[in-house]
Protein backbone atom coordinates (compact mmCIF):
# COMPACT_ATOMS: atom_id res chain seq x y z
CA MET A 1 23.65 -22.50 -75.06
CA THR A 2 23.55 -23.67 -71.51
CA PRO A 3 20.58 -26.01 -70.34
CA GLU A 4 19.04 -23.28 -68.15
CA ILE A 5 19.05 -20.65 -70.75
CA ALA A 6 17.38 -23.39 -73.27
CA LYS A 7 14.84 -23.90 -70.49
CA ASN A 8 14.55 -20.43 -70.47
CA ILE A 9 13.80 -19.62 -73.93
CA GLY A 10 10.84 -22.79 -74.00
CA ILE A 11 9.69 -21.54 -71.06
CA LYS A 12 9.05 -17.90 -72.62
CA LYS A 13 7.78 -19.40 -75.95
CA ALA A 14 5.35 -21.91 -74.59
CA LEU A 15 3.70 -19.05 -72.37
CA GLN A 16 3.58 -17.25 -75.32
CA SER A 17 1.98 -19.77 -77.31
CA ALA A 18 -0.62 -21.15 -74.63
CA THR A 19 -1.84 -17.29 -74.73
CA ILE A 20 -2.48 -18.07 -78.45
CA GLY A 21 -4.09 -20.98 -77.40
CA ILE A 22 -6.58 -19.30 -75.14
CA LEU A 23 -7.49 -16.44 -77.79
CA ILE A 24 -8.54 -19.43 -80.48
CA ALA A 25 -10.40 -21.00 -77.66
CA PHE A 26 -12.43 -17.78 -76.48
CA LEU A 27 -12.61 -17.11 -80.52
CA PHE A 28 -13.89 -20.70 -80.95
CA MET A 29 -16.62 -20.10 -77.75
CA MET A 30 -17.62 -16.65 -79.33
CA LEU A 31 -18.37 -18.71 -82.74
CA LEU A 32 -20.68 -20.90 -80.82
CA ALA A 33 -22.13 -18.59 -79.12
CA GLY A 34 -23.12 -16.76 -82.33
CA GLY A 35 -20.69 -14.10 -82.07
CA ASN A 36 -21.46 -13.05 -78.97
CA PRO A 37 -18.09 -12.23 -76.75
CA GLN A 38 -20.53 -11.81 -73.44
CA TRP A 39 -21.02 -16.26 -73.35
CA MET A 40 -18.63 -15.88 -70.56
CA LEU A 41 -21.42 -14.10 -68.45
CA GLU A 42 -24.30 -15.91 -69.87
CA TRP A 43 -22.84 -19.26 -69.25
CA ASN A 44 -21.45 -18.86 -65.65
CA TYR A 45 -18.34 -20.67 -66.31
CA TRP A 46 -16.17 -18.36 -64.82
CA ILE A 47 -14.63 -20.46 -62.26
CA ASN A 48 -14.41 -23.12 -64.70
CA ILE A 49 -12.30 -20.66 -66.77
CA ILE A 50 -10.16 -19.34 -64.31
CA ILE A 51 -9.07 -22.69 -63.16
CA GLY A 52 -8.63 -23.74 -66.50
CA ILE A 53 -6.62 -20.38 -67.79
CA GLY A 54 -4.38 -21.54 -64.35
CA ILE A 55 -3.65 -24.85 -65.15
CA PHE A 56 -2.95 -23.86 -68.85
CA TYR A 57 -0.10 -21.62 -68.21
CA GLY A 58 0.95 -24.26 -65.38
CA LEU A 59 1.40 -26.55 -68.01
CA ALA A 60 3.05 -24.63 -70.37
CA TYR A 61 5.27 -23.22 -68.21
CA TRP A 62 6.49 -27.00 -67.50
CA PHE A 63 6.30 -28.45 -70.61
CA GLY A 64 7.87 -25.27 -72.51
CA LYS A 65 11.16 -25.86 -70.02
CA ASN A 66 11.27 -29.71 -71.50
CA ALA A 67 10.94 -28.12 -74.23
CA GLY A 68 13.28 -25.75 -74.98
CA TYR A 69 16.01 -28.31 -73.20
CA GLU A 70 14.85 -31.25 -75.92
CA ILE A 71 15.15 -29.13 -79.05
CA LEU A 72 17.79 -26.79 -77.86
CA ILE A 73 20.18 -29.28 -75.92
CA LYS A 74 19.03 -32.55 -76.85
CA LYS A 75 18.87 -31.42 -80.85
CA LYS A 76 15.24 -33.18 -81.08
CA ASP A 77 12.78 -32.36 -84.21
CA SER A 78 11.21 -29.20 -83.10
CA ASP A 79 7.90 -30.28 -84.83
CA LYS A 80 7.38 -33.22 -83.03
CA VAL A 81 8.74 -31.81 -79.84
CA GLY A 82 5.88 -28.91 -80.13
CA ALA A 83 3.39 -31.35 -81.01
CA LYS A 84 3.58 -33.60 -78.43
CA TYR A 85 3.68 -30.71 -76.14
CA GLY A 86 0.97 -29.01 -77.39
CA PHE A 87 -1.49 -31.74 -77.46
CA LEU A 88 0.12 -32.62 -73.57
CA THR A 89 -1.18 -29.37 -72.46
CA LEU A 90 -4.37 -29.81 -74.00
CA ILE A 91 -5.55 -33.12 -73.03
CA ILE A 92 -4.28 -32.52 -69.21
CA THR A 93 -6.04 -28.84 -69.12
CA ALA A 94 -9.35 -30.66 -70.66
CA PHE A 95 -9.13 -33.28 -68.28
CA LEU A 96 -8.59 -31.66 -65.01
CA VAL A 97 -10.82 -28.67 -65.50
CA GLY A 98 -13.94 -30.96 -65.70
CA TRP A 99 -13.14 -31.87 -62.06
CA THR A 100 -14.23 -28.26 -61.24
CA GLY A 101 -17.48 -28.67 -62.45
CA PHE A 102 -18.03 -32.20 -60.92
CA VAL A 103 -17.25 -31.18 -57.70
CA GLN A 104 -19.37 -28.11 -57.94
CA GLU A 105 -22.16 -29.49 -59.17
CA GLY A 106 -21.63 -33.01 -60.74
CA MET A 107 -22.42 -35.24 -57.22
CA GLU A 108 -26.03 -33.81 -56.99
CA PRO A 109 -28.08 -36.32 -54.90
CA TYR A 110 -30.27 -37.32 -57.84
CA ASP A 111 -26.92 -38.28 -59.87
CA THR A 112 -25.19 -41.04 -60.15
CA PHE A 113 -21.12 -41.32 -59.95
CA LEU A 114 -20.73 -42.58 -63.34
CA ASP A 115 -23.63 -39.99 -64.50
CA SER A 116 -21.53 -37.01 -63.36
CA PHE A 117 -18.37 -37.94 -64.20
CA GLU A 118 -19.83 -38.53 -67.90
CA ASP A 119 -21.54 -35.17 -68.00
CA TYR A 120 -18.97 -32.77 -66.13
CA ILE A 121 -15.49 -35.00 -66.81
CA PHE A 122 -15.77 -37.19 -69.85
CA LYS A 123 -17.93 -35.12 -72.02
CA PRO A 124 -16.04 -31.49 -71.67
CA PHE A 125 -13.00 -33.57 -72.07
CA PHE A 126 -13.64 -35.27 -75.51
CA TRP A 127 -15.15 -32.08 -77.05
CA ILE A 128 -12.19 -30.35 -75.85
CA THR A 129 -10.20 -32.36 -77.15
CA PHE A 130 -11.76 -33.04 -80.34
CA ILE A 131 -12.19 -29.74 -81.03
CA GLY A 132 -8.52 -28.57 -80.38
CA PHE A 133 -6.65 -31.10 -81.59
CA LEU A 134 -5.83 -29.28 -84.60
CA PRO A 135 -5.37 -26.32 -83.11
CA ALA A 136 -3.01 -27.71 -80.24
CA ILE A 137 -0.75 -29.73 -82.75
CA LEU A 138 -0.95 -26.54 -84.92
CA VAL A 139 0.50 -24.37 -82.39
CA GLY A 140 3.03 -26.79 -80.79
CA ILE A 141 4.63 -26.78 -84.30
CA LEU A 142 4.53 -23.48 -84.38
CA PHE A 143 5.98 -23.55 -80.67
CA GLY A 144 8.47 -25.81 -81.47
CA LYS A 145 10.08 -23.65 -84.64
CA TRP A 146 10.02 -20.02 -82.37
CA ILE A 147 12.49 -22.25 -79.41
CA ARG A 148 14.41 -24.06 -82.57
CA LYS A 149 14.77 -20.31 -84.06
CA SER A 150 15.40 -18.75 -80.81
CA LYS A 151 19.09 -19.91 -80.32
CA GLU A 152 20.10 -18.00 -83.41
């Protein structure tokens, strides 16, 4: 196993895991909307969703490369590596996607910087992390196992 092959395996499995994570998030949001898949149209979050998906896949690519190397070359525990990168992907995406709303709407003349920061960055970060923690860890562990099994 060469480092390049290990990294490519990690990237492939990470992108698959990211797709699972996005589907889980979509289903959760649909549940919050009372089972209505039109929540994306009604709530008008298109730009945030597209940017969030882009960030999510970009981080999955980057962390997948690292995870493949750590699991297949350095022989680290696949569960821990997968959970670590699953959680990192979640929290970094949650933090960065909040800035989209902040830049779009956050600095209205009647808002203070702290109010806007709380509404557009802190609250979404908190709720996405709180709700997504367990799925991110579980999908991350699955991701690590997929990488480990790919060497066989």
